[in-house]
Amino acid sequence: MLTRLSIRDFAVVAQAELEFGPGLTVISGETGAGKSLLVDALGFLSGARGDAGAVRHGAQRAELSAEFTLDDCPAAVAWLAEAELDDAGACQLRRTLRADGGSKAWINGRAVPLAQLAELAALLVDIHGQHAQQALLARPQQTRLLDDFARHPALLAAVADSAGRWKALQQERDALLARGDVGERQAWLQHQLDELQTLPLEPAALAELDASHRRHAHAAALIAACDHALDQLGGDDALGARLQHLRGGLQREAAYEPRLGEVDAMLDSAGIQLDEALALLQRIRDDLDLDPAALAEIERRLGRIHDLARKHRVPPDQLAAHRDALAIELESLADADARLQRLDRDIASALADWQAAAAALSASRRNAGDALAGAITALMDALGMQGGRFEVALEPNAADTPDPQGRERVEFLVSANPGQPPRPLRKVASGGELSRISLAIEVATQGQDAAATLVFDEVDAGIGGAVAAAVGAKLRALGATKQVLCVTHQPQVAAAGHAQYRVSKAAKDGITQSAVVALNAAGRVDEIARMLGGADVSKEARAAAKKLLEAN
């Protein structure tokens, strides 16, 4: 529910702070005073395109904000949580428009794209403005409204689930057939696998083969290095013998310098390490051999591996993974014919399920459509459109495949006057007629749309007397389930409100400005008397105004 609307330097409004409560709030004022500016402000906060001309003359930017409570709008609560814009139950929309045309938007103090602001606002406010592009005119919204009125979520789920299952099975079948002739594919895969399985292709095996190639390719240099090292470390005049000789000399003098014992212990440890190094070096030398044939075989295998990598267009270290993927595909094709038959049976079963569910949904929609059309037609008569007719048309889909939304689309049709053929609601030309039809739909469905706040801009255009009183009564009744804001110039409608604002305009410093004032009980009497009798308010007009207020 909208609780506060703040406007600064928007159109001809310099500053306005409006507070709203539940029920029906009416907004009145003289013609041209700017009553619809409040609707325009909510539209701008709901994502409507900004025009630099909406910035008040002389100001650098317009700034608007709206605050909502969310107790009556669980869809908005869920949306804020999903978008990570929730703030302990608070909900504030804010938007600015610069004089150069640039605009910015915020939700709960965080900057957001305009599309995101509009998405949230659609859950909070539904504006039924004259000549405005309303969500109600969109066919998907009409379908949703009828489905909500019919209260058949189980049927909707059954249709969507069976259509989704059919689509998934059909895609699997198409993918299987896209492989072409299964036998040819199997033969090709087997040939590729036979070729890849002739060599060890695991990364560890490739690394070992590469290391072996480096050893054989450098065998001569390795043998020479090992022989030289063995000559230097072993033998009577090598490093090991000289080390033993050094230790003997130090041991003889250790009696005079105890620390020489520590040196001898270190050299003893070095000798042990030297002996182990000699043993390992000898084993390495024994393993080395000049074998041109072995080197040629290793190079042949490496060449074959690189040839396979180029052929299959993968790096050598990914050949094993590629081989395994081919093996998995070959295995999956082993029962391709049987799988295709199973898929055909499952597809036929899913189609039959969808047809049954869609037929049940169509029947429910027809019944609900008849009931909704009857209720709205009766309301149209009460709202001054005598002889008008409302119909709910179910038009078959052109597609011949299961649709998750059913076999048909909904189109609201209306004939505003007797003798006229019904036309799509989206093509109704008269803004006043469209507003009243929208009101009739809202009353008939008791505000089943998600938005908790409904805004009607001059829903009473072109009517008066008893019809205006009926419009006021319907709006007040709608206010029992939704918060309703209505811009009106009819005293009968204004008297039906639970609260009332008056918009007036005056020139200040040569610039026209509008002011918005909340009316108390006495102020409402004066305003409704003005609406009844004009600028010169008589006692009779005040008495009539009191009578209208008391009637509500």
Protein backbone atom coordinates (compact mmCIF):
# COMPACT_ATOMS: atom_id res chain seq x y z
CA MET A 1 0.00 0.00 0.00
CA LEU A 2 1.24 3.47 -0.90
CA THR A 3 1.82 5.48 2.29
CA ARG A 4 3.72 8.57 1.14
CA LEU A 5 4.33 10.40 -2.13
CA SER A 6 6.91 13.18 -2.28
CA ILE A 7 7.09 15.51 -5.29
CA ARG A 8 9.59 18.31 -5.90
CA ASP A 9 9.90 20.50 -9.00
CA PHE A 10 7.77 18.20 -11.13
CA ALA A 11 5.72 19.97 -13.84
CA VAL A 12 4.03 22.86 -12.01
CA VAL A 13 4.37 21.36 -8.52
CA ALA A 14 7.19 22.98 -6.56
CA GLN A 15 6.82 20.86 -3.43
CA ALA A 16 4.22 18.37 -2.23
CA GLU A 17 4.16 15.74 0.51
CA LEU A 18 1.13 13.45 0.43
CA GLU A 19 0.23 10.72 2.88
CA PHE A 20 -2.22 7.96 2.01
CA GLY A 21 -4.18 5.41 3.97
CA PRO A 22 -6.30 2.41 3.06
CA GLY A 23 -9.59 2.57 1.20
CA LEU A 24 -10.55 5.11 -1.45
CA THR A 25 -8.70 8.43 -1.68
CA VAL A 26 -10.09 10.94 -4.16
CA ILE A 27 -8.22 13.84 -5.75
CA SER A 28 -10.26 16.80 -6.97
CA GLY A 29 -9.68 20.32 -8.15
CA GLU A 30 -10.65 22.82 -10.80
CA THR A 31 -10.15 22.00 -14.45
CA GLY A 32 -6.53 22.62 -15.39
CA ALA A 33 -5.34 22.69 -11.78
CA GLY A 34 -3.09 19.67 -12.37
CA LYS A 35 -5.06 16.85 -10.72
CA SER A 36 -3.58 14.27 -13.09
CA LEU A 37 -0.05 15.35 -12.20
CA LEU A 38 -0.23 13.03 -9.20
CA VAL A 39 -1.02 10.17 -11.55
CA ASP A 40 1.81 11.30 -13.82
CA ALA A 41 4.14 11.33 -10.82
CA LEU A 42 3.24 7.74 -9.94
CA GLY A 43 3.64 6.79 -13.59
CA PHE A 44 7.12 8.32 -13.66
CA LEU A 45 8.00 6.41 -10.49
CA SER A 46 6.66 3.27 -12.16
CA GLY A 47 9.15 3.52 -15.00
CA ALA A 48 7.39 5.76 -17.53
CA ARG A 49 9.71 7.55 -19.89
CA GLY A 50 10.83 10.93 -18.59
CA ASP A 51 10.51 14.12 -20.62
CA ALA A 52 12.77 17.02 -19.73
CA GLY A 53 9.70 19.25 -20.05
CA ALA A 54 8.37 17.67 -16.85
CA VAL A 55 11.03 19.49 -14.84
CA ARG A 56 9.51 22.64 -13.33
CA HIS A 57 10.56 25.81 -15.11
CA GLY A 58 13.65 27.29 -13.50
CA ALA A 59 14.59 24.09 -11.61
CA GLN A 60 17.61 21.90 -12.41
CA ARG A 61 15.87 18.61 -11.75
CA ALA A 62 12.66 17.00 -10.58
CA GLU A 63 12.74 14.51 -7.73
CA LEU A 64 9.99 12.07 -6.75
CA SER A 65 9.78 9.29 -4.19
CA ALA A 66 7.11 6.92 -2.96
CA GLU A 67 7.01 4.73 0.13
CA PHE A 68 4.99 1.53 0.43
CA THR A 69 4.08 -0.97 3.10
CA LEU A 70 4.33 -4.56 1.92
CA ASP A 71 1.93 -6.41 4.21
CA ASP A 72 -0.60 -6.63 1.38
CA CYS A 73 1.91 -7.39 -1.39
CA PRO A 74 3.78 -10.68 -0.89
CA ALA A 75 4.83 -10.69 -4.55
CA ALA A 76 6.82 -7.47 -4.00
CA VAL A 77 8.38 -8.92 -0.84
CA ALA A 78 9.55 -11.96 -2.81
CA TRP A 79 10.80 -9.78 -5.67
CA LEU A 80 12.88 -7.58 -3.37
CA ALA A 81 14.40 -10.62 -1.67
CA GLU A 82 15.24 -12.23 -5.01
CA ALA A 83 16.84 -9.01 -6.28
CA GLU A 84 18.69 -8.55 -2.95
CA LEU A 85 17.11 -5.11 -2.55
CA ASP A 86 15.05 -5.84 0.56
CA ASP A 87 15.55 -3.60 3.57
CA ALA A 88 13.81 -4.90 6.70
CA GLY A 89 10.37 -4.65 5.12
CA ALA A 90 10.85 -1.13 3.77
CA CYS A 91 10.06 -0.23 0.19
CA GLN A 92 10.97 3.14 -1.28
CA LEU A 93 11.01 4.04 -4.97
CA ARG A 94 12.91 7.18 -5.92
CA ARG A 95 13.61 8.78 -9.27
CA THR A 96 15.11 12.02 -10.52
CA LEU A 97 14.84 13.76 -13.87
CA ARG A 98 17.34 16.41 -14.91
CA ALA A 99 16.50 19.40 -17.06
CA ASP A 100 18.74 17.95 -19.79
CA GLY A 101 16.58 14.80 -19.89
CA GLY A 102 18.80 12.41 -17.92
CA SER A 103 17.20 10.35 -15.16
CA LYS A 104 18.22 7.98 -12.37
CA ALA A 105 16.29 5.46 -10.29
CA TRP A 106 16.72 3.95 -6.82
CA ILE A 107 15.04 1.17 -4.85
CA ASN A 108 15.57 1.35 -1.08
CA GLY A 109 18.44 3.77 -1.61
CA ARG A 110 20.30 1.60 -4.13
CA ALA A 111 20.70 2.68 -7.75
CA VAL A 112 18.91 0.36 -10.19
CA PRO A 113 18.22 0.23 -13.94
CA LEU A 114 14.91 1.74 -15.02
CA ALA A 115 13.66 -1.67 -16.17
CA GLN A 116 14.13 -3.04 -12.66
CA LEU A 117 12.23 -0.10 -11.14
CA ALA A 118 9.36 -0.70 -13.57
CA GLU A 119 9.31 -4.41 -12.76
CA LEU A 120 8.88 -3.79 -9.04
CA ALA A 121 6.43 -0.92 -9.53
CA ALA A 122 4.16 -3.20 -11.59
CA LEU A 123 3.72 -5.31 -8.45
CA LEU A 124 2.89 -2.27 -6.33
CA VAL A 125 0.80 0.10 -8.46
CA ASP A 126 -1.66 -0.46 -11.31
CA ILE A 127 -2.48 2.81 -13.05
CA HIS A 128 -5.74 2.95 -15.00
CA GLY A 129 -5.04 6.24 -16.68
CA GLN A 130 -6.99 7.76 -19.53
CA HIS A 131 -5.33 6.86 -22.85
CA ALA A 132 -2.48 5.13 -20.95
CA GLN A 133 -0.95 1.86 -22.03
CA GLN A 134 -2.10 -0.35 -19.22
CA ALA A 135 -1.07 -3.84 -18.37
CA LEU A 136 -4.71 -4.85 -18.64
CA LEU A 137 -4.61 -4.26 -22.39
CA ALA A 138 -1.87 -6.87 -22.93
CA ARG A 139 -3.21 -10.28 -23.88
CA PRO A 140 -0.87 -12.20 -21.55
CA GLN A 141 -2.23 -10.14 -18.66
CA GLN A 142 -5.79 -10.86 -19.75
CA THR A 143 -4.97 -14.57 -19.79
CA ARG A 144 -3.47 -14.35 -16.30
CA LEU A 145 -6.46 -12.39 -15.02
CA LEU A 146 -8.92 -14.98 -16.33
CA ASP A 147 -6.83 -17.81 -14.89
CA ASP A 148 -6.72 -16.06 -11.52
CA PHE A 149 -10.48 -15.56 -11.66
CA ALA A 150 -10.97 -19.26 -12.51
CA ARG A 151 -8.71 -20.36 -9.65
CA HIS A 152 -7.29 -23.44 -11.40
CA PRO A 153 -3.54 -23.47 -10.61
CA ALA A 154 -3.45 -27.29 -10.69
CA LEU A 155 -4.70 -27.29 -14.28
CA LEU A 156 -2.15 -24.66 -15.28
CA ALA A 157 0.65 -26.70 -13.68
CA ALA A 158 -0.48 -29.90 -15.40
CA VAL A 159 -0.48 -28.21 -18.82
CA ALA A 160 2.92 -26.57 -18.27
CA ASP A 161 4.49 -29.78 -16.91
CA SER A 162 3.27 -32.00 -19.75
CA ALA A 163 4.32 -29.44 -22.36
CA GLY A 164 7.76 -29.18 -20.79
CA ARG A 165 8.13 -32.96 -20.70
CA TRP A 166 7.08 -33.24 -24.35
CA LYS A 167 9.59 -30.57 -25.39
CA ALA A 168 12.49 -32.20 -23.50
CA LEU A 169 11.74 -35.63 -25.02
CA GLN A 170 11.41 -34.14 -28.51
CA GLN A 171 14.75 -32.37 -28.15
CA GLU A 172 16.39 -35.63 -27.07
CA ARG A 173 14.91 -37.40 -30.09
CA ASP A 174 16.04 -34.63 -32.45
CA ALA A 175 19.56 -34.81 -31.04
CA LEU A 176 19.64 -38.58 -31.57
CA LEU A 177 18.44 -38.27 -35.17
CA ALA A 178 20.85 -35.41 -35.86
CA ARG A 179 23.71 -37.90 -35.54
CA GLY A 180 22.68 -39.37 -38.87
CA ASP A 181 22.90 -43.08 -39.65
CA VAL A 182 23.61 -44.77 -36.32
CA GLY A 183 25.43 -47.70 -37.92
CA GLU A 184 27.78 -45.43 -39.80
CA ARG A 185 28.42 -43.38 -36.69
CA GLN A 186 29.18 -46.50 -34.68
CA ALA A 187 31.63 -47.76 -37.33
CA TRP A 188 33.37 -44.39 -37.45
CA LEU A 189 33.62 -44.18 -33.66
CA GLN A 190 35.01 -47.73 -33.42
CA HIS A 191 37.66 -46.93 -36.04
CA GLN A 192 38.73 -43.83 -34.14
CA LEU A 193 38.90 -45.75 -30.87
CA ASP A 194 40.92 -48.60 -32.39
CA GLU A 195 43.40 -46.02 -33.60
CA LEU A 196 43.63 -44.21 -30.27
CA GLN A 197 43.85 -47.38 -28.18
CA THR A 198 47.12 -48.51 -29.83
CA LEU A 199 49.16 -46.11 -27.71
CA PRO A 200 49.31 -45.18 -24.01
CA LEU A 201 47.80 -41.69 -23.99
CA GLU A 202 47.37 -40.92 -20.31
CA PRO A 203 49.25 -37.75 -19.30
CA ALA A 204 51.57 -39.70 -16.97
CA ALA A 205 52.50 -42.13 -19.77
CA LEU A 206 53.13 -39.25 -22.16
CA ALA A 207 55.39 -37.57 -19.60
CA GLU A 208 57.39 -40.78 -19.09
CA LEU A 209 57.76 -41.29 -22.85
CA ASP A 210 58.99 -37.72 -23.25
CA ALA A 211 61.51 -38.17 -20.42
CA SER A 212 62.74 -41.44 -21.97
CA HIS A 213 63.21 -39.67 -25.30
CA ARG A 214 65.33 -36.98 -23.65
CA ARG A 215 67.52 -39.64 -21.96
CA HIS A 216 68.12 -41.61 -25.17
CA ALA A 217 68.68 -38.48 -27.23
CA HIS A 218 71.40 -37.33 -24.81
CA ALA A 219 72.81 -40.78 -23.93
CA ALA A 220 76.36 -40.10 -25.17
CA ALA A 221 76.69 -36.91 -23.15
CA LEU A 222 75.17 -38.57 -20.07
CA ILE A 223 77.59 -41.52 -20.28
CA ALA A 224 80.57 -39.20 -20.61
CA ALA A 225 79.43 -37.10 -17.65
CA CYS A 226 78.93 -40.18 -15.48
CA ASP A 227 82.31 -41.72 -16.39
CA HIS A 228 84.09 -38.47 -15.62
CA ALA A 229 82.36 -38.15 -12.28
CA LEU A 230 83.18 -41.75 -11.33
CA ASP A 231 86.87 -41.17 -12.15
CA GLN A 232 86.94 -38.05 -10.00
CA LEU A 233 85.13 -39.53 -7.02
CA GLY A 234 86.41 -43.10 -6.90
CA GLY A 235 89.83 -44.81 -7.15
CA ASP A 236 93.08 -44.55 -5.16
CA ASP A 237 93.74 -40.92 -6.00
CA ALA A 238 90.15 -39.70 -6.16
CA LEU A 239 88.10 -37.52 -3.84
CA GLY A 240 87.11 -40.42 -1.57
CA ALA A 241 90.72 -41.48 -0.90
CA ARG A 242 91.85 -37.92 -0.29
CA LEU A 243 89.00 -37.45 2.17
CA GLN A 244 90.11 -40.48 4.20
CA HIS A 245 93.68 -39.20 4.22
CA LEU A 246 92.53 -35.83 5.54
CA ARG A 247 90.54 -37.47 8.33
CA GLY A 248 93.59 -39.45 9.48
CA GLY A 249 95.67 -36.29 9.88
CA LEU A 250 92.95 -34.51 11.80
CA GLN A 251 92.36 -37.46 14.12
CA ARG A 252 96.04 -37.46 15.15
CA GLU A 253 95.83 -33.82 16.22
CA ALA A 254 92.38 -34.04 17.84
CA ALA A 255 93.92 -34.72 21.25
CA TYR A 256 95.23 -31.14 21.25
CA GLU A 257 92.11 -29.48 19.85
CA PRO A 258 88.78 -31.15 20.78
CA ARG A 259 86.90 -29.22 18.15
CA LEU A 260 88.74 -31.13 15.46
CA GLY A 261 86.62 -34.09 16.53
CA GLU A 262 83.56 -32.25 15.37
CA VAL A 263 85.21 -31.62 12.00
CA ASP A 264 86.07 -35.33 11.72
CA ALA A 265 82.45 -36.28 12.42
CA MET A 266 81.28 -33.95 9.65
CA LEU A 267 83.80 -35.41 7.22
CA ASP A 268 82.70 -38.90 8.21
CA SER A 269 79.11 -37.96 7.32
CA ALA A 270 80.34 -36.46 4.04
CA GLY A 271 82.16 -39.67 3.29
CA ILE A 272 78.98 -41.67 3.79
CA GLN A 273 77.09 -39.31 1.44
CA LEU A 274 79.97 -39.59 -1.07
CA ASP A 275 79.79 -43.40 -1.01
CA GLU A 276 76.03 -43.31 -1.59
CA ALA A 277 76.48 -40.81 -4.45
CA LEU A 278 79.07 -43.11 -6.03
CA ALA A 279 76.74 -46.10 -5.77
CA LEU A 280 73.81 -44.20 -7.36
CA LEU A 281 76.05 -42.76 -10.05
CA GLN A 282 77.28 -46.25 -10.91
CA ARG A 283 73.71 -47.54 -11.20
CA ILE A 284 72.80 -44.65 -13.50
CA ARG A 285 75.88 -45.36 -15.63
CA ASP A 286 75.00 -49.03 -15.83
CA ASP A 287 71.48 -48.12 -17.05
CA LEU A 288 72.78 -45.90 -19.83
CA ASP A 289 73.48 -47.38 -23.22
CA LEU A 290 73.77 -46.05 -26.73
CA ASP A 291 70.80 -47.69 -28.47
CA PRO A 292 69.90 -45.96 -31.74
CA ALA A 293 67.13 -48.49 -32.38
CA ALA A 294 65.43 -47.71 -29.04
CA LEU A 295 65.69 -43.97 -29.73
CA ALA A 296 64.15 -44.43 -33.17
CA GLU A 297 61.25 -46.42 -31.68
CA ILE A 298 60.57 -43.74 -29.08
CA GLU A 299 60.63 -41.02 -31.74
CA ARG A 300 58.26 -43.08 -33.88
CA ARG A 301 55.80 -43.36 -31.00
CA LEU A 302 56.03 -39.64 -30.19
CA GLY A 303 55.50 -38.78 -33.84
CA ARG A 304 52.43 -41.02 -33.96
CA ILE A 305 51.01 -39.32 -30.85
CA HIS A 306 51.47 -35.85 -32.34
CA ASP A 307 49.93 -37.02 -35.62
CA LEU A 308 46.86 -38.22 -33.70
CA ALA A 309 46.67 -34.94 -31.81
CA ARG A 310 46.64 -32.97 -35.07
CA LYS A 311 44.09 -35.32 -36.62
CA HIS A 312 41.68 -35.03 -33.70
CA ARG A 313 42.45 -31.32 -33.17
CA VAL A 314 43.31 -31.60 -29.48
CA PRO A 315 46.55 -31.11 -27.56
CA PRO A 316 48.50 -34.37 -26.96
CA ASP A 317 47.74 -34.31 -23.23
CA GLN A 318 43.96 -34.28 -24.02
CA LEU A 319 43.98 -37.31 -26.31
CA ALA A 320 43.08 -39.66 -23.45
CA ALA A 321 40.01 -37.54 -22.51
CA HIS A 322 38.99 -37.38 -26.17
CA ARG A 323 39.33 -41.15 -26.48
CA ASP A 324 37.16 -41.68 -23.40
CA ALA A 325 34.49 -39.31 -24.76
CA LEU A 326 34.32 -41.27 -28.01
CA ALA A 327 34.00 -44.49 -26.03
CA ILE A 328 31.08 -43.05 -24.03
CA GLU A 329 29.30 -41.95 -27.21
CA LEU A 330 29.85 -45.36 -28.80
CA GLU A 331 28.36 -47.01 -25.75
CA SER A 332 25.37 -44.66 -25.83
CA LEU A 333 24.68 -45.69 -29.42
CA ALA A 334 24.68 -49.36 -28.61
CA ASP A 335 20.91 -49.31 -28.00
CA ALA A 336 20.09 -46.30 -30.21
CA ASP A 337 17.27 -48.03 -32.04
CA ALA A 338 15.68 -49.16 -28.78
CA ARG A 339 16.11 -45.68 -27.30
CA LEU A 340 14.46 -44.10 -30.34
CA GLN A 341 11.47 -46.40 -29.97
CA ARG A 342 11.20 -45.60 -26.27
CA LEU A 343 11.38 -41.89 -27.03
CA ASP A 344 8.59 -42.17 -29.59
CA ARG A 345 6.38 -43.89 -27.02
CA ASP A 346 7.24 -41.34 -24.32
CA ILE A 347 6.60 -38.43 -26.70
CA ALA A 348 3.20 -39.82 -27.63
CA SER A 349 2.37 -40.29 -23.95
CA ALA A 350 3.43 -36.72 -23.07
CA LEU A 351 1.37 -35.37 -25.98
CA ALA A 352 -1.69 -37.28 -24.81
CA ASP A 353 -1.19 -35.98 -21.26
CA TRP A 354 -0.92 -32.41 -22.57
CA GLN A 355 -4.02 -32.76 -24.72
CA ALA A 356 -6.05 -34.03 -21.77
CA ALA A 357 -4.74 -31.32 -19.42
CA ALA A 358 -5.19 -28.58 -22.05
CA ALA A 359 -8.78 -29.70 -22.72
CA ALA A 360 -9.58 -29.51 -19.01
CA LEU A 361 -7.97 -26.06 -18.81
CA SER A 362 -9.95 -24.87 -21.85
CA ALA A 363 -13.22 -26.02 -20.28
CA SER A 364 -12.41 -24.24 -17.04
CA ARG A 365 -11.47 -21.09 -18.93
CA ARG A 366 -14.72 -21.16 -20.89
CA ASN A 367 -16.78 -21.46 -17.72
CA ALA A 368 -14.81 -18.72 -15.98
CA GLY A 369 -14.96 -16.53 -19.08
CA ASP A 370 -18.76 -16.76 -19.23
CA ALA A 371 -19.06 -15.89 -15.54
CA LEU A 372 -16.59 -13.00 -15.79
CA ALA A 373 -18.25 -11.63 -18.93
CA GLY A 374 -21.69 -11.69 -17.28
CA ALA A 375 -20.45 -9.91 -14.16
CA ILE A 376 -18.60 -7.20 -16.11
CA THR A 377 -21.50 -6.65 -18.51
CA ALA A 378 -23.81 -6.04 -15.54
CA LEU A 379 -21.31 -3.60 -14.03
CA MET A 380 -20.94 -1.75 -17.33
CA ASP A 381 -24.69 -1.12 -17.30
CA ALA A 382 -24.49 0.25 -13.78
CA LEU A 383 -21.55 2.45 -14.77
CA GLY A 384 -23.46 4.29 -17.46
CA MET A 385 -22.72 2.05 -20.44
CA GLN A 386 -26.25 0.75 -20.93
CA GLY A 387 -26.53 -1.89 -23.58
CA GLY A 388 -22.78 -2.46 -23.55
CA ARG A 389 -21.46 -5.99 -23.65
CA PHE A 390 -18.28 -7.65 -22.46
CA GLU A 391 -17.05 -10.96 -23.83
CA VAL A 392 -14.11 -13.25 -23.17
CA ALA A 393 -12.88 -14.86 -26.38
CA LEU A 394 -10.68 -17.96 -26.39
CA GLU A 395 -8.70 -18.00 -29.62
CA PRO A 396 -6.87 -21.23 -30.60
CA ASN A 397 -3.10 -21.06 -30.87
CA ALA A 398 -1.63 -21.29 -34.34
CA ALA A 399 1.15 -23.61 -33.17
CA ASP A 400 0.61 -27.35 -33.58
CA THR A 401 2.92 -28.28 -30.71
CA PRO A 402 2.12 -28.43 -26.98
CA ASP A 403 2.09 -24.94 -25.51
CA PRO A 404 2.83 -24.56 -21.78
CA GLN A 405 0.02 -21.97 -21.54
CA GLY A 406 -2.66 -24.14 -23.11
CA ARG A 407 -4.48 -24.46 -26.42
CA GLU A 408 -5.71 -20.88 -26.61
CA ARG A 409 -5.04 -17.25 -25.82
CA VAL A 410 -7.52 -14.95 -24.12
CA GLU A 411 -8.82 -11.76 -25.70
CA PHE A 412 -11.16 -9.39 -23.88
CA LEU A 413 -13.81 -7.99 -26.24
CA VAL A 414 -16.16 -5.10 -25.54
CA SER A 415 -19.08 -3.37 -27.17
CA ALA A 416 -19.56 -0.05 -25.44
CA ASN A 417 -22.89 0.73 -27.10
CA PRO A 418 -25.90 -1.29 -28.29
CA GLY A 419 -25.68 -2.54 -31.85
CA GLN A 420 -21.90 -2.29 -32.04
CA PRO A 421 -19.92 -5.48 -32.59
CA PRO A 422 -17.51 -6.35 -29.78
CA ARG A 423 -13.93 -5.30 -30.40
CA PRO A 424 -10.68 -6.06 -28.56
CA LEU A 425 -10.39 -4.04 -25.37
CA ARG A 426 -6.95 -2.82 -26.49
CA LYS A 427 -8.65 -1.09 -29.45
CA VAL A 428 -11.30 0.81 -27.48
CA ALA A 429 -10.81 4.45 -28.43
CA SER A 430 -12.58 6.32 -25.65
CA GLY A 431 -10.42 6.86 -22.60
CA GLY A 432 -13.45 7.37 -20.38
CA GLU A 433 -15.03 4.12 -21.57
CA LEU A 434 -11.77 2.28 -21.11
CA SER A 435 -11.40 3.59 -17.56
CA ARG A 436 -14.91 2.49 -16.61
CA ILE A 437 -14.46 -0.91 -18.21
CA SER A 438 -11.22 -1.28 -16.27
CA LEU A 439 -13.10 -0.36 -13.11
CA ALA A 440 -15.77 -2.95 -13.91
CA ILE A 441 -13.09 -5.60 -14.43
CA GLU A 442 -11.39 -4.70 -11.15
CA VAL A 443 -14.69 -4.83 -9.24
CA ALA A 444 -15.75 -8.10 -10.87
CA THR A 445 -12.44 -9.76 -10.03
CA GLN A 446 -12.14 -7.97 -6.67
CA GLY A 447 -8.67 -6.74 -7.51
CA GLN A 448 -7.08 -10.11 -8.17
CA ASP A 449 -4.09 -8.48 -9.84
CA ALA A 450 -0.85 -8.40 -7.87
CA ALA A 451 -0.73 -4.63 -7.30
CA ALA A 452 -2.06 -3.49 -3.94
CA THR A 453 -2.66 0.09 -5.10
CA LEU A 454 -5.05 0.91 -7.96
CA VAL A 455 -5.06 4.35 -9.55
CA PHE A 456 -7.93 5.62 -11.70
CA ASP A 457 -7.54 8.83 -13.66
CA GLU A 458 -10.94 10.46 -14.36
CA VAL A 459 -12.81 7.16 -14.48
CA ASP A 460 -15.99 9.27 -14.38
CA ALA A 461 -15.34 11.25 -17.56
CA GLY A 462 -18.51 11.94 -19.52
CA ILE A 463 -20.98 10.82 -16.85
CA GLY A 464 -22.93 12.38 -14.03
CA GLY A 465 -25.83 12.02 -11.64
CA ALA A 466 -26.85 8.48 -10.74
CA VAL A 467 -24.11 6.94 -12.90
CA ALA A 468 -21.45 8.97 -11.12
CA ALA A 469 -22.90 7.85 -7.80
CA ALA A 470 -22.70 4.23 -9.00
CA VAL A 471 -19.06 4.72 -10.03
CA GLY A 472 -18.30 6.16 -6.60
CA ALA A 473 -20.01 3.24 -4.88
CA LYS A 474 -18.03 0.72 -6.95
CA LEU A 475 -14.77 2.48 -6.22
CA ARG A 476 -15.53 2.58 -2.52
CA ALA A 477 -16.42 -1.13 -2.58
CA LEU A 478 -13.14 -1.86 -4.36
CA GLY A 479 -11.39 0.07 -1.61
CA ALA A 480 -12.43 -2.65 0.83
CA THR A 481 -9.87 -5.04 -0.71
CA LYS A 482 -7.41 -2.65 -2.39
CA GLN A 483 -6.04 0.82 -1.85
CA VAL A 484 -7.71 2.99 -4.51
CA LEU A 485 -6.69 6.46 -5.68
CA CYS A 486 -9.05 8.26 -8.03
CA VAL A 487 -8.75 11.60 -9.83
CA THR A 488 -12.28 12.91 -10.26
CA HIS A 489 -14.33 15.95 -11.17
CA GLN A 490 -17.65 14.40 -10.10
CA PRO A 491 -18.96 15.34 -6.64
CA GLN A 492 -20.76 11.99 -6.29
CA VAL A 493 -17.45 10.16 -6.75
CA ALA A 494 -15.56 12.55 -4.48
CA ALA A 495 -18.15 12.05 -1.72
CA ALA A 496 -17.56 8.29 -1.85
CA GLY A 497 -13.92 8.66 -0.80
CA HIS A 498 -12.56 7.81 2.61
CA ALA A 499 -10.09 10.69 2.21
CA GLN A 500 -9.71 13.60 -0.19
CA TYR A 501 -7.01 15.87 -1.60
CA ARG A 502 -7.64 19.14 -3.42
CA VAL A 503 -5.32 20.41 -6.15
CA SER A 504 -5.28 24.13 -6.88
CA LYS A 505 -3.09 26.41 -8.94
CA ALA A 506 -1.98 30.00 -8.58
CA ALA A 507 0.61 32.34 -10.06
CA LYS A 508 3.64 33.13 -7.92
CA ASP A 509 6.29 35.54 -9.17
CA GLY A 510 4.75 35.22 -12.61
CA ILE A 511 5.04 31.43 -12.61
CA THR A 512 2.01 29.11 -12.33
CA GLN A 513 2.30 26.59 -9.52
CA SER A 514 0.02 23.84 -8.24
CA ALA A 515 -0.53 23.04 -4.60
CA VAL A 516 -1.98 19.84 -3.08
CA VAL A 517 -3.84 20.02 0.24
CA ALA A 518 -5.40 17.24 2.34
CA LEU A 519 -8.97 18.16 3.24
CA ASN A 520 -10.57 17.78 6.64
CA ALA A 521 -14.31 17.23 7.05
CA ALA A 522 -15.19 20.90 6.64
CA GLY A 523 -12.84 21.26 3.73
CA ARG A 524 -14.47 18.30 2.01
CA VAL A 525 -17.90 19.91 2.36
CA ASP A 526 -16.61 23.13 0.79
CA GLU A 527 -14.82 21.29 -2.04
CA ILE A 528 -17.76 19.05 -2.91
CA ALA A 529 -20.07 22.09 -2.73
CA ARG A 530 -17.75 23.84 -5.21
CA MET A 531 -17.90 20.79 -7.46
CA LEU A 532 -21.70 20.92 -7.29
CA GLY A 533 -22.27 24.64 -7.73
CA GLY A 534 -19.15 26.29 -9.10
CA ALA A 535 -16.95 29.02 -7.66
CA ASP A 536 -19.76 30.76 -5.73
CA VAL A 537 -20.68 28.21 -3.07
CA SER A 538 -24.23 28.61 -1.78
CA LYS A 539 -25.90 27.26 1.34
CA GLU A 540 -27.86 24.90 -0.86
CA ALA A 541 -24.66 23.54 -2.38
CA ARG A 542 -23.16 22.99 1.07
CA ALA A 543 -26.29 21.20 2.21
CA ALA A 544 -26.21 19.00 -0.86
CA ALA A 545 -22.53 18.29 -0.25
CA LYS A 546 -23.21 17.25 3.35
CA LYS A 547 -25.99 14.98 2.14
CA LEU A 548 -23.71 13.29 -0.37
CA LEU A 549 -21.05 12.72 2.29
CA GLU A 550 -23.56 11.36 4.78
CA ALA A 551 -24.86 8.92 2.16
CA ASN A 552 -21.47 7.22 2.14
